[in-house]
Amino acid sequence: MNREQDIKDKESFFRAGQKLLEKVHEAESTDRAEVLLSWEEVEKKLASKPSHKLRIRYVLSAVAASAAILLAIGMSLWKTAEEPAVSVSMLEQEIPVLPDDEVVLFARNDRMQLKDESSVRYGEDGKPEVEGQVVKTISGQEKEKNEEVVNQIVVPKGRKVDITFSDGTKMYVNSGSRVIYPALFGKDRREIIVEGEVYLDVKKDPSRPFIVKTKGFEVKVLGTQFNICAYKEDAAASVVLVEGKVEVETTDREKTVLKPNQLVSIQEKGLDIKEVDVFGYICWKDNMMLLNNRIAGEVFDRLSRHYGCRILYDDNIKDIPISGKLDLREKPEDVVNILCQSLYLVYKVDENKNIIISKK
């Protein structure tokens, strides 16, 4: 009879334990009172009077298992409390249909259309101030007083913008890019999400590491200057370090630490580090393009993204090496004309304003 009771008690205990574990998995959306009620159910099972040594061993095992469950609950609740304000998964969220030729800033309850090369500065209250012309502001639903405010800026092809965060960090955002970030950084970390290309001059703060996340890797810094290029349509992403030190970690847990004047290329086959002239990778923020060690196809693709127009070229010219320097403040046709003259190529503009390049 006692043996049958033991079996029933065990089954009852493990059912309660299973229920409690389910509560742990639902910790993000479950009230703590529900978890405590589940724990009380386990305690009742432990309080039943033991009848022999087997039941004593069972109770001791139950206490150990229950302690582990409580530890799991505590860790889960602690982890929930420490969840970052932004996540790479936010890049998967759909955004409203946007105008093709304007920078759009989603800030608090507003959607603002900004002119090209506008400057956005955040104050200690987390509100953005725009230095440049705001074309249009569309107000939406007000945020709750204590609700986390996540901002997003979408920069179309042919446009650029720069942002100064409330901690003093400055970010330049290149054409065809998207950045998601909290209006105010947390007390223990500063995190942003990038798709596209940005140059960052991070304000030093040892107590709050600055973390840049992309779909394929993340970069951790305390205070430094570096460039990240992570366009979703490109075969490889890259990080170039100007000064300081950064750690790059891929989603496959492959890590490397960069020194100044180094570039790491992130590809499917892994990481590749080399020494570079960093100016060629950061001069885009000053409307310049350095052409050393580049090929024609790469240059035309970058010009297409910079100007926001389609540049089409024949396959037999994409691997032609190019050297020199381009002033990107000139019109796209003028820049293409300079390249075509130096490479003995010709171009035309069709009825859809596409630039088509071919050999003479």
Protein backbone atom coordinates (compact mmCIF):
# COMPACT_ATOMS: atom_id res chain seq x y z
CA MET A 1 0.00 0.00 0.00
CA ASN A 2 2.84 2.38 0.95
CA ARG A 3 4.55 1.58 -2.34
CA GLU A 4 1.41 2.56 -4.26
CA GLN A 5 1.21 5.78 -2.27
CA ASP A 6 4.88 6.49 -3.08
CA ILE A 7 4.18 6.11 -6.78
CA LYS A 8 1.16 8.40 -6.56
CA ASP A 9 3.16 11.00 -4.62
CA LYS A 10 5.97 10.89 -7.17
CA GLU A 11 3.58 11.28 -10.06
CA SER A 12 1.85 14.16 -8.32
CA PHE A 13 5.16 15.83 -7.55
CA PHE A 14 6.45 15.59 -11.09
CA ARG A 15 3.16 16.92 -12.47
CA ALA A 16 3.54 19.92 -10.20
CA GLY A 17 7.18 20.27 -11.24
CA GLN A 18 6.23 20.11 -14.91
CA LYS A 19 3.60 22.78 -14.36
CA LEU A 20 6.18 24.96 -12.66
CA LEU A 21 8.65 24.51 -15.49
CA GLU A 22 5.97 25.63 -17.91
CA LYS A 23 5.59 28.74 -15.79
CA VAL A 24 9.34 29.34 -16.12
CA HIS A 25 9.13 29.22 -19.93
CA GLU A 26 6.27 31.71 -19.77
CA ALA A 27 8.10 33.97 -17.29
CA GLU A 28 8.10 36.96 -19.61
CA SER A 29 4.33 37.08 -19.71
CA THR A 30 3.42 35.43 -16.39
CA ASP A 31 2.68 37.26 -13.17
CA ARG A 32 5.00 36.32 -10.28
CA ALA A 33 2.01 35.43 -8.12
CA GLU A 34 1.15 32.58 -10.51
CA VAL A 35 4.68 31.19 -10.19
CA LEU A 36 4.47 31.34 -6.39
CA LEU A 37 1.13 29.51 -6.42
CA SER A 38 2.74 26.74 -8.45
CA TRP A 39 5.58 26.56 -5.94
CA GLU A 40 3.07 26.26 -3.06
CA GLU A 41 1.65 23.20 -4.80
CA VAL A 42 5.10 21.58 -4.76
CA GLU A 43 5.52 22.45 -1.08
CA LYS A 44 2.27 20.69 -0.22
CA LYS A 45 3.59 17.51 -1.83
CA LEU A 46 6.80 17.78 0.17
CA ALA A 47 4.85 18.27 3.41
CA SER A 48 3.19 14.83 3.24
CA LYS A 49 4.35 12.48 6.07
CA PRO A 50 7.08 9.97 4.99
CA SER A 51 6.38 6.34 5.76
CA HIS A 52 9.84 4.76 5.29
CA LYS A 53 13.40 5.37 4.08
CA LEU A 54 12.41 5.30 0.43
CA ARG A 55 10.07 8.27 0.98
CA ILE A 56 12.85 10.13 2.83
CA ARG A 57 15.15 9.71 -0.18
CA TYR A 58 12.31 10.80 -2.42
CA VAL A 59 11.74 13.98 -0.38
CA LEU A 60 15.45 14.83 -0.39
CA SER A 61 15.55 14.40 -4.17
CA ALA A 62 12.43 16.52 -4.47
CA VAL A 63 14.00 19.31 -2.39
CA ALA A 64 17.10 19.31 -4.63
CA ALA A 65 15.00 19.31 -7.81
CA SER A 66 12.74 22.04 -6.48
CA ALA A 67 15.73 24.17 -5.50
CA ALA A 68 17.02 23.85 -9.06
CA ILE A 69 13.60 24.91 -10.38
CA LEU A 70 13.58 27.96 -8.10
CA LEU A 71 17.07 28.85 -9.33
CA ALA A 72 15.83 28.55 -12.92
CA ILE A 73 12.93 30.89 -12.09
CA GLY A 74 15.27 33.42 -10.55
CA MET A 75 17.63 33.29 -13.51
CA SER A 76 14.71 33.61 -15.93
CA LEU A 77 13.28 36.63 -14.13
CA TRP A 78 16.75 38.20 -13.89
CA LYS A 79 17.36 37.60 -17.59
CA THR A 80 13.99 39.13 -18.45
CA ALA A 81 14.84 42.22 -16.44
CA GLU A 82 18.17 42.56 -18.27
CA GLU A 83 16.75 42.16 -21.80
CA PRO A 84 18.20 44.82 -24.15
CA ALA A 85 15.94 47.52 -25.51
CA VAL A 86 16.71 46.61 -29.15
CA SER A 87 17.04 43.28 -30.95
CA VAL A 88 18.21 42.27 -34.42
CA SER A 89 14.78 40.67 -34.95
CA MET A 90 13.41 44.21 -35.24
CA LEU A 91 14.93 44.34 -38.73
CA GLU A 92 12.32 41.76 -39.76
CA GLN A 93 9.43 44.04 -38.79
CA GLU A 94 7.65 45.69 -41.68
CA ILE A 95 7.84 49.46 -41.97
CA PRO A 96 5.26 51.72 -43.61
CA VAL A 97 5.57 52.61 -47.29
CA LEU A 98 8.06 55.48 -47.39
CA PRO A 99 8.89 58.18 -49.94
CA ASP A 100 11.80 57.18 -52.18
CA ASP A 101 13.77 60.39 -51.85
CA GLU A 102 13.56 61.42 -48.18
CA VAL A 103 15.22 60.31 -44.97
CA VAL A 104 12.57 59.11 -42.49
CA LEU A 105 13.01 59.25 -38.70
CA PHE A 106 10.63 57.28 -36.47
CA ALA A 107 10.92 58.97 -33.09
CA ARG A 108 8.53 58.50 -30.16
CA ASN A 109 5.06 58.98 -31.63
CA ASP A 110 6.21 60.92 -34.72
CA ARG A 111 7.35 60.04 -38.22
CA MET A 112 9.50 62.82 -39.66
CA GLN A 113 10.68 63.21 -43.25
CA LEU A 114 14.10 64.89 -43.33
CA LYS A 115 16.14 66.51 -46.06
CA ASP A 116 19.40 64.98 -47.29
CA GLU A 117 22.42 65.43 -44.97
CA SER A 118 20.28 66.51 -42.02
CA SER A 119 21.81 66.29 -38.54
CA VAL A 120 19.84 64.78 -35.66
CA ARG A 121 20.87 65.42 -32.05
CA TYR A 122 19.41 63.72 -28.97
CA GLY A 123 19.18 65.49 -25.62
CA GLU A 124 19.18 63.96 -22.15
CA ASP A 125 15.39 63.65 -22.36
CA GLY A 126 15.64 61.38 -25.39
CA LYS A 127 13.91 63.82 -27.74
CA PRO A 128 15.53 64.45 -31.15
CA GLU A 129 16.36 67.91 -32.45
CA VAL A 130 16.82 68.16 -36.23
CA GLU A 131 19.36 70.54 -37.72
CA GLY A 132 18.03 70.75 -41.25
CA GLN A 133 14.66 70.97 -42.92
CA VAL A 134 11.87 68.72 -41.69
CA VAL A 135 9.72 68.13 -44.76
CA LYS A 136 6.78 66.57 -42.95
CA THR A 137 5.81 65.25 -39.52
CA ILE A 138 3.13 62.60 -39.03
CA SER A 139 2.04 62.10 -35.42
CA GLY A 140 0.96 58.70 -34.19
CA GLN A 141 -0.13 57.11 -30.94
CA GLU A 142 1.44 58.53 -27.79
CA LYS A 143 3.84 56.32 -25.85
CA GLU A 144 3.11 55.46 -22.24
CA LYS A 145 5.13 57.45 -19.73
CA ASN A 146 7.42 54.58 -18.73
CA GLU A 147 7.41 52.74 -22.06
CA GLU A 148 10.81 52.09 -23.67
CA VAL A 149 11.25 54.45 -26.62
CA VAL A 150 12.96 52.85 -29.62
CA ASN A 151 13.78 55.08 -32.60
CA GLN A 152 14.56 54.12 -36.17
CA ILE A 153 16.05 56.01 -39.07
CA VAL A 154 15.68 54.86 -42.70
CA VAL A 155 18.05 56.45 -45.21
CA PRO A 156 17.20 55.77 -48.88
CA LYS A 157 19.72 55.48 -51.69
CA GLY A 158 21.11 58.86 -52.67
CA ARG A 159 20.83 60.31 -49.15
CA LYS A 160 22.92 60.54 -45.96
CA VAL A 161 22.37 61.74 -42.40
CA ASP A 162 24.32 62.04 -39.15
CA ILE A 163 23.11 61.46 -35.59
CA THR A 164 24.55 62.52 -32.24
CA PHE A 165 23.27 60.32 -29.41
CA SER A 166 22.57 61.59 -25.91
CA ASP A 167 25.90 60.14 -24.66
CA GLY A 168 27.88 62.20 -27.21
CA THR A 169 28.54 59.34 -29.68
CA LYS A 170 28.32 60.52 -33.29
CA MET A 171 27.12 58.29 -36.14
CA TYR A 172 27.19 58.95 -39.88
CA VAL A 173 24.64 56.88 -41.82
CA ASN A 174 25.32 56.13 -45.47
CA SER A 175 22.87 55.71 -48.37
CA GLY A 176 20.52 52.74 -48.37
CA SER A 177 20.88 52.11 -44.63
CA ARG A 178 18.65 51.54 -41.64
CA VAL A 179 19.51 51.95 -37.94
CA ILE A 180 17.40 51.04 -34.87
CA TYR A 181 18.35 52.41 -31.44
CA PRO A 182 16.86 53.45 -28.08
CA ALA A 183 16.18 57.15 -27.57
CA LEU A 184 18.17 56.86 -24.33
CA PHE A 185 20.80 54.21 -23.68
CA GLY A 186 20.58 51.96 -20.62
CA LYS A 187 22.71 52.24 -17.49
CA ASP A 188 24.92 49.24 -18.29
CA ARG A 189 25.12 49.11 -22.09
CA ARG A 190 24.63 51.06 -25.32
CA GLU A 191 23.20 49.04 -28.21
CA ILE A 192 22.16 49.82 -31.77
CA ILE A 193 21.09 47.67 -34.76
CA VAL A 194 22.55 48.40 -38.22
CA GLU A 195 21.63 47.31 -41.73
CA GLY A 196 23.77 49.12 -44.28
CA GLU A 197 26.81 51.29 -43.61
CA VAL A 198 27.67 53.59 -40.69
CA TYR A 199 30.74 55.35 -39.34
CA LEU A 200 30.86 55.71 -35.55
CA ASP A 201 32.88 57.93 -33.26
CA VAL A 202 31.98 56.37 -29.90
CA LYS A 203 32.17 58.42 -26.71
CA LYS A 204 34.33 56.58 -24.19
CA ASP A 205 32.42 55.13 -21.25
CA PRO A 206 34.03 52.02 -19.63
CA SER A 207 30.91 51.35 -17.54
CA ARG A 208 28.70 51.05 -20.66
CA PRO A 209 30.17 49.13 -23.61
CA PHE A 210 28.85 50.22 -27.01
CA ILE A 211 27.52 47.27 -29.06
CA VAL A 212 26.61 47.39 -32.74
CA LYS A 213 24.54 44.42 -33.92
CA THR A 214 23.86 43.25 -37.47
CA LYS A 215 22.23 40.09 -38.80
CA GLY A 216 25.59 38.35 -39.16
CA PHE A 217 27.83 39.71 -36.41
CA GLU A 218 28.22 42.25 -33.61
CA VAL A 219 30.96 44.70 -32.61
CA LYS A 220 31.79 45.60 -29.00
CA VAL A 221 33.69 48.76 -28.06
CA LEU A 222 34.24 51.16 -25.15
CA GLY A 223 35.32 54.23 -27.10
CA THR A 224 36.75 54.30 -30.62
CA GLN A 225 36.25 55.20 -34.29
CA PHE A 226 35.30 52.57 -36.84
CA ASN A 227 33.24 51.84 -39.95
CA ILE A 228 30.71 49.03 -40.43
CA CYS A 229 29.42 47.97 -43.84
CA ALA A 230 26.65 45.35 -43.66
CA TYR A 231 24.27 45.73 -46.59
CA LYS A 232 21.93 42.75 -46.88
CA GLU A 233 22.43 42.53 -50.65
CA ASP A 234 26.26 42.34 -50.41
CA ALA A 235 28.07 38.99 -50.34
CA ALA A 236 30.41 40.14 -47.55
CA ALA A 237 30.25 42.59 -44.66
CA SER A 238 33.21 44.43 -43.15
CA VAL A 239 34.48 46.36 -40.14
CA VAL A 240 37.36 48.86 -40.47
CA LEU A 241 39.04 50.22 -37.34
CA VAL A 242 40.38 53.79 -37.38
CA GLU A 243 41.55 54.03 -33.77
CA GLY A 244 41.07 52.21 -30.46
CA LYS A 245 40.15 48.53 -30.27
CA VAL A 246 37.02 46.54 -31.16
CA GLU A 247 35.94 42.94 -30.82
CA VAL A 248 33.98 41.37 -33.69
CA GLU A 249 31.92 38.24 -33.02
CA THR A 250 29.89 36.39 -35.65
CA THR A 251 26.65 34.50 -35.08
CA ASP A 252 28.80 31.32 -35.28
CA ARG A 253 30.75 32.52 -32.19
CA GLU A 254 33.90 33.22 -34.21
CA LYS A 255 35.74 36.16 -32.62
CA THR A 256 38.58 38.51 -33.49
CA VAL A 257 40.01 41.74 -32.06
CA LEU A 258 40.99 44.46 -34.53
CA LYS A 259 43.88 46.89 -34.29
CA PRO A 260 43.90 50.34 -35.96
CA ASN A 261 44.22 50.25 -39.77
CA GLN A 262 42.83 46.73 -39.98
CA LEU A 263 39.78 45.49 -41.88
CA VAL A 264 37.92 42.27 -41.16
CA SER A 265 35.77 40.82 -43.93
CA ILE A 266 32.86 38.69 -42.70
CA GLN A 267 31.80 36.02 -45.20
CA GLU A 268 30.19 32.58 -45.13
CA LYS A 269 33.63 30.95 -45.10
CA GLY A 270 34.68 32.93 -42.02
CA LEU A 271 36.70 36.01 -41.05
CA ASP A 272 39.54 37.49 -43.09
CA ILE A 273 41.75 40.27 -41.62
CA LYS A 274 44.10 42.55 -43.53
CA GLU A 275 45.92 45.88 -43.22
CA VAL A 276 44.30 48.75 -45.14
CA ASP A 277 44.40 52.50 -45.72
CA VAL A 278 41.33 53.35 -43.65
CA PHE A 279 40.73 56.64 -45.46
CA GLY A 280 39.44 54.77 -48.48
CA TYR A 281 36.72 53.15 -46.35
CA ILE A 282 35.54 56.19 -44.37
CA CYS A 283 35.81 59.08 -46.84
CA TRP A 284 32.21 58.49 -47.99
CA LYS A 285 31.06 60.60 -45.02
CA ASP A 286 32.95 63.52 -46.59
CA ASN A 287 31.40 62.89 -50.04
CA MET A 288 34.53 61.33 -51.51
CA MET A 289 35.38 57.93 -52.99
CA LEU A 290 38.95 56.62 -53.10
CA LEU A 291 39.38 54.18 -55.98
CA ASN A 292 42.70 52.49 -55.18
CA ASN A 293 42.54 48.68 -55.38
CA ARG A 294 38.95 48.73 -56.65
CA ILE A 295 37.35 47.35 -59.81
CA ALA A 296 34.86 49.02 -62.15
CA GLY A 297 31.84 46.91 -61.20
CA GLU A 298 32.29 47.60 -57.48
CA VAL A 299 32.67 51.33 -58.11
CA PHE A 300 29.59 51.57 -60.33
CA ASP A 301 27.54 49.64 -57.75
CA ARG A 302 28.62 52.00 -54.97
CA LEU A 303 27.85 55.02 -57.14
CA SER A 304 24.39 53.60 -57.85
CA ARG A 305 23.72 53.30 -54.11
CA HIS A 306 25.18 56.73 -53.36
CA TYR A 307 23.16 58.58 -55.98
CA GLY A 308 20.00 56.50 -55.80
CA CYS A 309 19.95 55.76 -59.53
CA ARG A 310 20.41 52.60 -61.61
CA ILE A 311 23.82 52.21 -63.24
CA LEU A 312 23.99 49.27 -65.63
CA TYR A 313 27.21 47.93 -67.19
CA ASP A 314 28.39 45.05 -69.37
CA ASP A 315 29.98 42.01 -67.72
CA ASN A 316 33.16 42.45 -69.75
CA ILE A 317 34.02 45.70 -67.94
CA LYS A 318 33.17 44.84 -64.31
CA ASP A 319 36.70 43.59 -63.46
CA ILE A 320 38.66 46.51 -64.93
CA PRO A 321 40.94 47.95 -62.19
CA ILE A 322 40.49 51.61 -61.28
CA SER A 323 42.58 54.11 -59.32
CA GLY A 324 42.09 57.74 -58.39
CA LYS A 325 39.57 59.75 -56.38
CA LEU A 326 36.01 60.94 -57.00
CA ASP A 327 34.17 63.99 -55.68
CA LEU A 328 30.67 62.69 -54.89
CA ARG A 329 29.21 66.20 -54.67
CA GLU A 330 29.18 66.25 -58.49
CA LYS A 331 26.16 65.05 -60.50
CA PRO A 332 26.09 61.30 -61.25
CA GLU A 333 26.37 61.83 -65.01
CA ASP A 334 29.48 64.00 -64.49
CA VAL A 335 31.15 61.41 -62.26
CA VAL A 336 30.34 58.57 -64.66
CA ASN A 337 31.67 60.66 -67.55
CA ILE A 338 35.02 61.11 -65.78
CA LEU A 339 35.28 57.34 -65.20
CA CYS A 340 34.32 56.48 -68.77
CA GLN A 341 36.93 58.83 -70.20
CA SER A 342 39.71 57.30 -68.07
CA LEU A 343 38.65 53.71 -68.85
CA TYR A 344 37.83 54.25 -72.56
CA LEU A 345 34.15 53.47 -72.02
CA VAL A 346 30.95 55.14 -73.20
CA TYR A 347 27.63 55.73 -71.45
CA LYS A 348 24.10 56.84 -72.24
CA VAL A 349 21.01 57.74 -70.21
CA ASP A 350 17.79 55.99 -71.27
CA GLU A 351 14.20 57.22 -71.01
CA ASN A 352 13.95 55.89 -67.43
CA LYS A 353 17.06 57.87 -66.41
CA ASN A 354 19.13 54.68 -66.07
CA ILE A 355 22.84 55.13 -66.83
CA ILE A 356 24.08 52.41 -69.21
CA ILE A 357 27.84 51.86 -69.60
CA SER A 358 29.61 49.80 -72.28
CA LYS A 359 32.88 49.51 -74.16
CA LYS A 360 33.51 51.76 -77.17
